[in-house]
Amino acid sequence: MNQPNIPDLSSKLLTVHIVGGQHNYIVEKPMFENQCGRWFLVGITPGGTSKGNWAAGVPVAIAWDQVSAYRVFESAADYLLKYSKAEQK
């Protein structure tokens, strides 16, 4: 199986939406990893993005074939700034 043809996102932060899901995942330092013949988007949950910060620093792996959409942010600071502006409206 070939690696998906994607841009280098390893210095970015992504919000990832799952097929049929109501929740999105936030992934810092994302990269692709093949696990048992299946591609996963893997990275770290950044601080300040979960209620009570309970998931900060926790590794996350999302099956790429379950991703319906994703947004790219320059950094965690960029995401938090845009999120806080949206919350103020």
PDB file of N, CA and C in Angstrom:
ATOM      1  N   MET A   1       0.851  -1.181   0.000  1.00  0.00           N
ATOM      2  CA  MET A   1       0.000   0.000   0.000  1.00  0.00           C
ATOM      3  C   MET A   1       0.890   1.234   0.000  1.00  0.00           C
ATOM      4  N   ASN A   2       0.602   2.166  -0.861  1.00  0.00           N
ATOM      5  CA  ASN A   2       1.381   3.393  -0.949  1.00  0.00           C
ATOM      6  C   ASN A   2       0.884   4.429   0.049  1.00  0.00           C
ATOM      7  N   GLN A   3       1.812   5.292   0.472  1.00  0.00           N
ATOM      8  CA  GLN A   3       1.427   6.384   1.359  1.00  0.00           C
ATOM      9  C   GLN A   3       0.554   7.355   0.583  1.00  0.00           C
ATOM     10  N   PRO A   4      -0.523   7.858   1.215  1.00  0.00           N
ATOM     11  CA  PRO A   4      -1.386   8.828   0.528  1.00  0.00           C
ATOM     12  C   PRO A   4      -0.580  10.031   0.055  1.00  0.00           C
ATOM     13  N   ASN A   5      -0.965  10.594  -1.064  1.00  0.00           N
ATOM     14  CA  ASN A   5      -0.289  11.765  -1.617  1.00  0.00           C
ATOM     15  C   ASN A   5      -0.855  13.012  -0.938  1.00  0.00           C
ATOM     16  N   ILE A   6      -0.167  13.475   0.098  1.00  0.00           N
ATOM     17  CA  ILE A   6      -0.649  14.611   0.882  1.00  0.00           C
ATOM     18  C   ILE A   6       0.489  15.607   1.108  1.00  0.00           C
ATOM     19  N   PRO A   7       0.151  16.845   1.418  1.00  0.00           N
ATOM     20  CA  PRO A   7       1.193  17.818   1.754  1.00  0.00           C
ATOM     21  C   PRO A   7       1.791  17.510   3.126  1.00  0.00           C
ATOM     22  N   ASP A   8       2.963  18.043   3.394  1.00  0.00           N
ATOM     23  CA  ASP A   8       3.591  17.894   4.702  1.00  0.00           C
ATOM     24  C   ASP A   8       2.861  18.802   5.692  1.00  0.00           C
ATOM     25  N   LEU A   9       2.161  18.203   6.623  1.00  0.00           N
ATOM     26  CA  LEU A   9       1.380  18.948   7.616  1.00  0.00           C
ATOM     27  C   LEU A   9       2.007  18.876   9.002  1.00  0.00           C
ATOM     28  N   SER A  10       3.198  18.324   9.119  1.00  0.00           N
ATOM     29  CA  SER A  10       3.792  18.019  10.418  1.00  0.00           C
ATOM     30  C   SER A  10       4.019  19.241  11.316  1.00  0.00           C
ATOM     31  N   SER A  11       4.076  20.426  10.745  1.00  0.00           N
ATOM     32  CA  SER A  11       4.254  21.628  11.573  1.00  0.00           C
ATOM     33  C   SER A  11       2.933  22.339  11.842  1.00  0.00           C
ATOM     34  N   LYS A  12       1.827  21.742  11.434  1.00  0.00           N
ATOM     35  CA  LYS A  12       0.501  22.372  11.546  1.00  0.00           C
ATOM     36  C   LYS A  12      -0.312  21.769  12.680  1.00  0.00           C
ATOM     37  N   LEU A  13      -1.492  22.323  12.869  1.00  0.00           N
ATOM     38  CA  LEU A  13      -2.511  21.768  13.755  1.00  0.00           C
ATOM     39  C   LEU A  13      -3.739  21.527  12.899  1.00  0.00           C
ATOM     40  N   LEU A  14      -4.366  20.370  13.046  1.00  0.00           N
ATOM     41  CA  LEU A  14      -5.554  20.037  12.265  1.00  0.00           C
ATOM     42  C   LEU A  14      -6.750  19.832  13.171  1.00  0.00           C
ATOM     43  N   THR A  15      -7.920  20.244  12.697  1.00  0.00           N
ATOM     44  CA  THR A  15      -9.169  19.767  13.279  1.00  0.00           C
ATOM     45  C   THR A  15      -9.701  18.744  12.282  1.00  0.00           C
ATOM     46  N   VAL A  16     -10.047  17.577  12.779  1.00  0.00           N
ATOM     47  CA  VAL A  16     -10.407  16.456  11.926  1.00  0.00           C
ATOM     48  C   VAL A  16     -11.833  16.023  12.233  1.00  0.00           C
ATOM     49  N   HIS A  17     -12.631  15.903  11.193  1.00  0.00           N
ATOM     50  CA  HIS A  17     -14.025  15.482  11.320  1.00  0.00           C
ATOM     51  C   HIS A  17     -14.155  14.052  10.793  1.00  0.00           C
ATOM     52  N   ILE A  18     -14.884  13.237  11.525  1.00  0.00           N
ATOM     53  CA  ILE A  18     -15.022  11.825  11.221  1.00  0.00           C
ATOM     54  C   ILE A  18     -16.354  11.563  10.525  1.00  0.00           C
ATOM     55  N   VAL A  19     -16.351  10.617   9.612  1.00  0.00           N
ATOM     56  CA  VAL A  19     -17.565  10.223   8.904  1.00  0.00           C
ATOM     57  C   VAL A  19     -18.657   9.883   9.924  1.00  0.00           C
ATOM     58  N   GLY A  20     -19.805  10.541   9.802  1.00  0.00           N
ATOM     59  CA  GLY A  20     -20.940  10.265  10.679  1.00  0.00           C
ATOM     60  C   GLY A  20     -20.757  10.725  12.116  1.00  0.00           C
ATOM     61  N   GLY A  21     -19.671  11.421  12.413  1.00  0.00           N
ATOM     62  CA  GLY A  21     -19.396  11.824  13.792  1.00  0.00           C
ATOM     63  C   GLY A  21     -19.890  13.213  14.114  1.00  0.00           C
ATOM     64  N   GLN A  22     -20.157  13.437  15.374  1.00  0.00           N
ATOM     65  CA  GLN A  22     -20.569  14.747  15.863  1.00  0.00           C
ATOM     66  C   GLN A  22     -19.392  15.481  16.483  1.00  0.00           C
ATOM     67  N   HIS A  23     -18.328  14.752  16.762  1.00  0.00           N
ATOM     68  CA  HIS A  23     -17.155  15.282  17.449  1.00  0.00           C
ATOM     69  C   HIS A  23     -16.029  15.490  16.446  1.00  0.00           C
ATOM     70  N   ASN A  24     -15.187  16.490  16.697  1.00  0.00           N
ATOM     71  CA  ASN A  24     -13.982  16.605  15.878  1.00  0.00           C
ATOM     72  C   ASN A  24     -12.768  16.414  16.778  1.00  0.00           C
ATOM     73  N   TYR A  25     -11.694  15.994  16.165  1.00  0.00           N
ATOM     74  CA  TYR A  25     -10.443  15.774  16.872  1.00  0.00           C
ATOM     75  C   TYR A  25      -9.477  16.891  16.521  1.00  0.00           C
ATOM     76  N   ILE A  26      -8.646  17.257  17.459  1.00  0.00           N
ATOM     77  CA  ILE A  26      -7.632  18.273  17.228  1.00  0.00           C
ATOM     78  C   ILE A  26      -6.283  17.574  17.320  1.00  0.00           C
ATOM     79  N   VAL A  27      -5.492  17.716  16.264  1.00  0.00           N
ATOM     80  CA  VAL A  27      -4.241  16.969  16.163  1.00  0.00           C
ATOM     81  C   VAL A  27      -3.089  17.932  15.884  1.00  0.00           C
ATOM     82  N   GLU A  28      -2.105  17.917  16.773  1.00  0.00           N
ATOM     83  CA  GLU A  28      -0.906  18.732  16.588  1.00  0.00           C
ATOM     84  C   GLU A  28       0.222  17.825  16.099  1.00  0.00           C
ATOM     85  N   LYS A  29       1.089  18.372  15.240  1.00  0.00           N
ATOM     86  CA  LYS A  29       2.206  17.630  14.660  1.00  0.00           C
ATOM     87  C   LYS A  29       1.724  16.364  13.939  1.00  0.00           C
ATOM     88  N   PRO A  30       0.708  16.500  13.077  1.00  0.00           N
ATOM     89  CA  PRO A  30       0.148  15.314  12.417  1.00  0.00           C
ATOM     90  C   PRO A  30       1.102  14.704  11.390  1.00  0.00           C
ATOM     91  N   MET A  31       1.040  13.394  11.302  1.00  0.00           N
ATOM     92  CA  MET A  31       1.773  12.665  10.270  1.00  0.00           C
ATOM     93  C   MET A  31       1.030  11.369   9.993  1.00  0.00           C
ATOM     94  N   PHE A  32       1.337  10.756   8.875  1.00  0.00           N
ATOM     95  CA  PHE A  32       0.684   9.507   8.517  1.00  0.00           C
ATOM     96  C   PHE A  32       1.535   8.330   8.950  1.00  0.00           C
ATOM     97  N   GLU A  33       0.846   7.296   9.415  1.00  0.00           N
ATOM     98  CA  GLU A  33       1.515   6.076   9.861  1.00  0.00           C
ATOM     99  C   GLU A  33       0.690   4.874   9.420  1.00  0.00           C
ATOM    100  N   ASN A  34       1.360   3.901   8.844  1.00  0.00           N
ATOM    101  CA  ASN A  34       0.679   2.672   8.447  1.00  0.00           C
ATOM    102  C   ASN A  34       0.730   1.692   9.609  1.00  0.00           C
ATOM    103  N   GLN A  35      -0.447   1.265  10.048  1.00  0.00           N
ATOM    104  CA  GLN A  35      -0.549   0.290  11.132  1.00  0.00           C
ATOM    105  C   GLN A  35      -1.340  -0.902  10.613  1.00  0.00           C
ATOM    106  N   CYS A  36      -0.675  -2.026  10.486  1.00  0.00           N
ATOM    107  CA  CYS A  36      -1.309  -3.275  10.039  1.00  0.00           C
ATOM    108  C   CYS A  36      -2.017  -3.101   8.695  1.00  0.00           C
ATOM    109  N   GLY A  37      -1.404  -2.352   7.792  1.00  0.00           N
ATOM    110  CA  GLY A  37      -1.962  -2.185   6.454  1.00  0.00           C
ATOM    111  C   GLY A  37      -3.028  -1.111   6.334  1.00  0.00           C
ATOM    112  N   ARG A  38      -3.245  -0.343   7.376  1.00  0.00           N
ATOM    113  CA  ARG A  38      -4.246   0.722   7.363  1.00  0.00           C
ATOM    114  C   ARG A  38      -3.578   2.039   7.725  1.00  0.00           C
ATOM    115  N   TRP A  39      -3.916   3.113   6.997  1.00  0.00           N
ATOM    116  CA  TRP A  39      -3.304   4.420   7.239  1.00  0.00           C
ATOM    117  C   TRP A  39      -4.033   5.177   8.338  1.00  0.00           C
ATOM    118  N   PHE A  40      -3.236   5.734   9.246  1.00  0.00           N
ATOM    119  CA  PHE A  40      -3.746   6.544  10.346  1.00  0.00           C
ATOM    120  C   PHE A  40      -3.069   7.901  10.323  1.00  0.00           C
ATOM    121  N   LEU A  41      -3.826   8.922  10.689  1.00  0.00           N
ATOM    122  CA  LEU A  41      -3.289  10.241  10.954  1.00  0.00           C
ATOM    123  C   LEU A  41      -2.969  10.237  12.441  1.00  0.00           C
ATOM    124  N   VAL A  42      -1.708  10.394  12.791  1.00  0.00           N
ATOM    125  CA  VAL A  42      -1.302  10.333  14.193  1.00  0.00           C
ATOM    126  C   VAL A  42      -0.684  11.667  14.605  1.00  0.00           C
ATOM    127  N   GLY A  43      -0.790  11.976  15.869  1.00  0.00           N
ATOM    128  CA  GLY A  43      -0.227  13.205  16.398  1.00  0.00           C
ATOM    129  C   GLY A  43      -0.490  13.301  17.888  1.00  0.00           C
ATOM    130  N   ILE A  44      -0.469  14.514  18.388  1.00  0.00           N
ATOM    131  CA  ILE A  44      -0.636  14.787  19.816  1.00  0.00           C
ATOM    132  C   ILE A  44      -1.825  15.722  20.007  1.00  0.00           C
ATOM    133  N   THR A  45      -2.574  15.496  21.085  1.00  0.00           N
ATOM    134  CA  THR A  45      -3.647  16.417  21.447  1.00  0.00           C
ATOM    135  C   THR A  45      -3.005  17.624  22.129  1.00  0.00           C
ATOM    136  N   PRO A  46      -3.181  18.828  21.552  1.00  0.00           N
ATOM    137  CA  PRO A  46      -2.533  20.006  22.141  1.00  0.00           C
ATOM    138  C   PRO A  46      -3.222  20.468  23.425  1.00  0.00           C
ATOM    139  N   GLY A  47      -2.460  21.147  24.263  1.00  0.00           N
ATOM    140  CA  GLY A  47      -3.017  21.719  25.485  1.00  0.00           C
ATOM    141  C   GLY A  47      -3.983  22.844  25.171  1.00  0.00           C
ATOM    142  N   GLY A  48      -4.948  23.024  26.043  1.00  0.00           N
ATOM    143  CA  GLY A  48      -5.903  24.112  25.898  1.00  0.00           C
ATOM    144  C   GLY A  48      -7.042  23.828  24.939  1.00  0.00           C
ATOM    145  N   THR A  49      -7.144  22.588  24.455  1.00  0.00           N
ATOM    146  CA  THR A  49      -8.180  22.283  23.465  1.00  0.00           C
ATOM    147  C   THR A  49      -9.217  21.278  23.958  1.00  0.00           C
ATOM    148  N   SER A  50      -9.089  20.827  25.209  1.00  0.00           N
ATOM    149  CA  SER A  50     -10.091  19.919  25.769  1.00  0.00           C
ATOM    150  C   SER A  50     -10.571  20.491  27.105  1.00  0.00           C
ATOM    151  N   LYS A  51     -11.816  20.233  27.420  1.00  0.00           N
ATOM    152  CA  LYS A  51     -12.393  20.751  28.660  1.00  0.00           C
ATOM    153  C   LYS A  51     -11.577  20.248  29.848  1.00  0.00           C
ATOM    154  N   GLY A  52     -11.109  21.172  30.638  1.00  0.00           N
ATOM    155  CA  GLY A  52     -10.287  20.812  31.781  1.00  0.00           C
ATOM    156  C   GLY A  52      -8.875  20.387  31.386  1.00  0.00           C
ATOM    157  N   ASN A  53      -8.564  20.497  30.101  1.00  0.00           N
ATOM    158  CA  ASN A  53      -7.244  20.156  29.576  1.00  0.00           C
ATOM    159  C   ASN A  53      -6.868  18.703  29.834  1.00  0.00           C
ATOM    160  N   TRP A  54      -7.867  17.838  29.974  1.00  0.00           N
ATOM    161  CA  TRP A  54      -7.622  16.453  30.347  1.00  0.00           C
ATOM    162  C   TRP A  54      -6.850  15.659  29.294  1.00  0.00           C
ATOM    163  N   ALA A  55      -6.928  16.041  28.025  1.00  0.00           N
ATOM    164  CA  ALA A  55      -6.288  15.259  26.970  1.00  0.00           C
ATOM    165  C   ALA A  55      -4.956  15.849  26.495  1.00  0.00           C
ATOM    166  N   ALA A  56      -4.485  16.916  27.120  1.00  0.00           N
ATOM    167  CA  ALA A  56      -3.251  17.576  26.680  1.00  0.00           C
ATOM    168  C   ALA A  56      -2.080  16.598  26.659  1.00  0.00           C
ATOM    169  N   GLY A  57      -1.393  16.557  25.529  1.00  0.00           N
ATOM    170  CA  GLY A  57      -0.222  15.702  25.390  1.00  0.00           C
ATOM    171  C   GLY A  57      -0.509  14.247  25.077  1.00  0.00           C
ATOM    172  N   VAL A  58      -1.775  13.885  25.003  1.00  0.00           N
ATOM    173  CA  VAL A  58      -2.143  12.493  24.744  1.00  0.00           C
ATOM    174  C   VAL A  58      -2.035  12.201  23.242  1.00  0.00           C
ATOM    175  N   PRO A  59      -1.344  11.113  22.881  1.00  0.00           N
ATOM    176  CA  PRO A  59      -1.279  10.740  21.463  1.00  0.00           C
ATOM    177  C   PRO A  59      -2.673  10.394  20.928  1.00  0.00           C
ATOM    178  N   VAL A  60      -2.888  10.692  19.659  1.00  0.00           N
ATOM    179  CA  VAL A  60      -4.158  10.382  19.010  1.00  0.00           C
ATOM    180  C   VAL A  60      -3.859   9.760  17.655  1.00  0.00           C
ATOM    181  N   ALA A  61      -4.651   8.773  17.270  1.00  0.00           N
ATOM    182  CA  ALA A  61      -4.527   8.134  15.951  1.00  0.00           C
ATOM    183  C   ALA A  61      -5.930   8.009  15.364  1.00  0.00           C
ATOM    184  N   ILE A  62      -6.100   8.503  14.158  1.00  0.00           N
ATOM    185  CA  ILE A  62      -7.407   8.523  13.497  1.00  0.00           C
ATOM    186  C   ILE A  62      -7.287   7.786  12.169  1.00  0.00           C
ATOM    187  N   ALA A  63      -8.136   6.811  11.948  1.00  0.00           N
ATOM    188  CA  ALA A  63      -8.109   6.069  10.690  1.00  0.00           C
ATOM    189  C   ALA A  63      -8.425   7.023   9.538  1.00  0.00           C
ATOM    190  N   TRP A  64      -7.509   7.146   8.588  1.00  0.00           N
ATOM    191  CA  TRP A  64      -7.656   8.098   7.489  1.00  0.00           C
ATOM    192  C   TRP A  64      -8.890   7.806   6.650  1.00  0.00           C
ATOM    193  N   ASP A  65      -9.266   6.539   6.519  1.00  0.00           N
ATOM    194  CA  ASP A  65     -10.445   6.216   5.711  1.00  0.00           C
ATOM    195  C   ASP A  65     -11.750   6.600   6.398  1.00  0.00           C
ATOM    196  N   GLN A  66     -11.668   7.093   7.631  1.00  0.00           N
ATOM    197  CA  GLN A  66     -12.845   7.558   8.359  1.00  0.00           C
ATOM    198  C   GLN A  66     -12.936   9.081   8.427  1.00  0.00           C
ATOM    199  N   VAL A  67     -11.973   9.773   7.831  1.00  0.00           N
ATOM    200  CA  VAL A  67     -11.949  11.233   7.863  1.00  0.00           C
ATOM    201  C   VAL A  67     -12.839  11.779   6.749  1.00  0.00           C
ATOM    202  N   SER A  68     -13.771  12.654   7.129  1.00  0.00           N
ATOM    203  CA  SER A  68     -14.643  13.269   6.131  1.00  0.00           C
ATOM    204  C   SER A  68     -14.165  14.669   5.752  1.00  0.00           C
ATOM    205  N   ALA A  69     -13.449  15.335   6.655  1.00  0.00           N
ATOM    206  CA  ALA A  69     -12.947  16.687   6.383  1.00  0.00           C
ATOM    207  C   ALA A  69     -11.910  17.041   7.433  1.00  0.00           C
ATOM    208  N   TYR A  70     -11.053  17.995   7.075  1.00  0.00           N
ATOM    209  CA  TYR A  70     -10.118  18.525   8.060  1.00  0.00           C
ATOM    210  C   TYR A  70      -9.807  19.973   7.731  1.00  0.00           C
ATOM    211  N   ARG A  71      -9.448  20.729   8.788  1.00  0.00           N
ATOM    212  CA  ARG A  71      -9.044  22.125   8.633  1.00  0.00           C
ATOM    213  C   ARG A  71      -7.592  22.243   9.078  1.00  0.00           C
ATOM    214  N   VAL A  72      -6.854  23.099   8.408  1.00  0.00           N
ATOM    215  CA  VAL A  72      -5.433  23.272   8.701  1.00  0.00           C
ATOM    216  C   VAL A  72      -5.210  24.639   9.346  1.00  0.00           C
ATOM    217  N   PHE A  73      -4.562  24.640  10.497  1.00  0.00           N
ATOM    218  CA  PHE A  73      -4.170  25.862  11.200  1.00  0.00           C
ATOM    219  C   PHE A  73      -2.657  25.896  11.283  1.00  0.00           C
ATOM    220  N   GLU A  74      -2.087  27.093  11.316  1.00  0.00           N
ATOM    221  CA  GLU A  74      -0.635  27.241  11.358  1.00  0.00           C
ATOM    222  C   GLU A  74      -0.020  26.709  12.654  1.00  0.00           C
ATOM    223  N   SER A  75      -0.776  26.799  13.750  1.00  0.00           N
ATOM    224  CA  SER A  75      -0.255  26.387  15.057  1.00  0.00           C
ATOM    225  C   SER A  75      -1.409  26.271  16.043  1.00  0.00           C
ATOM    226  N   ALA A  76      -1.097  25.778  17.243  1.00  0.00           N
ATOM    227  CA  ALA A  76      -2.107  25.729  18.298  1.00  0.00           C
ATOM    228  C   ALA A  76      -2.548  27.141  18.667  1.00  0.00           C
ATOM    229  N   ALA A  77      -1.608  28.076  18.690  1.00  0.00           N
ATOM    230  CA  ALA A  77      -1.944  29.475  19.009  1.00  0.00           C
ATOM    231  C   ALA A  77      -2.902  30.053  17.970  1.00  0.00           C
ATOM    232  N   ASP A  78      -2.667  29.750  16.705  1.00  0.00           N
ATOM    233  CA  ASP A  78      -3.543  30.206  15.619  1.00  0.00           C
ATOM    234  C   ASP A  78      -4.953  29.641  15.801  1.00  0.00           C
ATOM    235  N   TYR A  79      -5.051  28.353  16.107  1.00  0.00           N
ATOM    236  CA  TYR A  79      -6.346  27.718  16.337  1.00  0.00           C
ATOM    237  C   TYR A  79      -7.061  28.366  17.521  1.00  0.00           C
ATOM    238  N   LEU A  80      -6.362  28.509  18.643  1.00  0.00           N
ATOM    239  CA  LEU A  80      -6.986  29.058  19.849  1.00  0.00           C
ATOM    240  C   LEU A  80      -7.453  30.491  19.640  1.00  0.00           C
ATOM    241  N   LEU A  81      -6.683  31.284  18.906  1.00  0.00           N
ATOM    242  CA  LEU A  81      -7.076  32.656  18.603  1.00  0.00           C
ATOM    243  C   LEU A  81      -8.362  32.680  17.783  1.00  0.00           C
ATOM    244  N   LYS A  82      -8.412  31.891  16.739  1.00  0.00           N
ATOM    245  CA  LYS A  82      -9.606  31.854  15.883  1.00  0.00           C
ATOM    246  C   LYS A  82     -10.808  31.277  16.623  1.00  0.00           C
ATOM    247  N   TYR A  83     -10.572  30.264  17.445  1.00  0.00           N
ATOM    248  CA  TYR A  83     -11.652  29.666  18.222  1.00  0.00           C
ATOM    249  C   TYR A  83     -12.212  30.663  19.229  1.00  0.00           C
ATOM    250  N   SER A  84     -11.334  31.389  19.911  1.00  0.00           N
ATOM    251  CA  SER A  84     -11.811  32.348  20.912  1.00  0.00           C
ATOM    252  C   SER A  84     -12.586  33.486  20.265  1.00  0.00           C
ATOM    253  N   LYS A  85     -12.179  33.913  19.071  1.00  0.00           N
ATOM    254  CA  LYS A  85     -12.926  34.945  18.355  1.00  0.00           C
ATOM    255  C   LYS A  85     -14.307  34.441  17.983  1.00  0.00           C
ATOM    256  N   ALA A  86     -14.411  33.201  17.571  1.00  0.00           N
ATOM    257  CA  ALA A  86     -15.710  32.624  17.201  1.00  0.00           C
ATOM    258  C   ALA A  86     -16.620  32.501  18.420  1.00  0.00           C
ATOM    259  N   GLU A  87     -16.046  32.157  19.567  1.00  0.00           N
ATOM    260  CA  GLU A  87     -16.818  32.006  20.803  1.00  0.00           C
ATOM    261  C   GLU A  87     -17.364  33.349  21.284  1.00  0.00           C
ATOM    262  N   GLN A  88     -16.695  34.445  20.969  1.00  0.00           N
ATOM    263  CA  GLN A  88     -17.119  35.772  21.414  1.00  0.00           C
ATOM    264  C   GLN A  88     -18.313  36.291  20.623  1.00  0.00           C
ATOM    265  N   LYS A  89     -18.572  35.713  19.462  1.00  0.00           N
ATOM    266  CA  LYS A  89     -19.676  36.187  18.618  1.00  0.00           C
ATOM    267  C   LYS A  89     -21.001  35.651  19.070  1.00  0.00           C
TER     268      LYS A  89
END
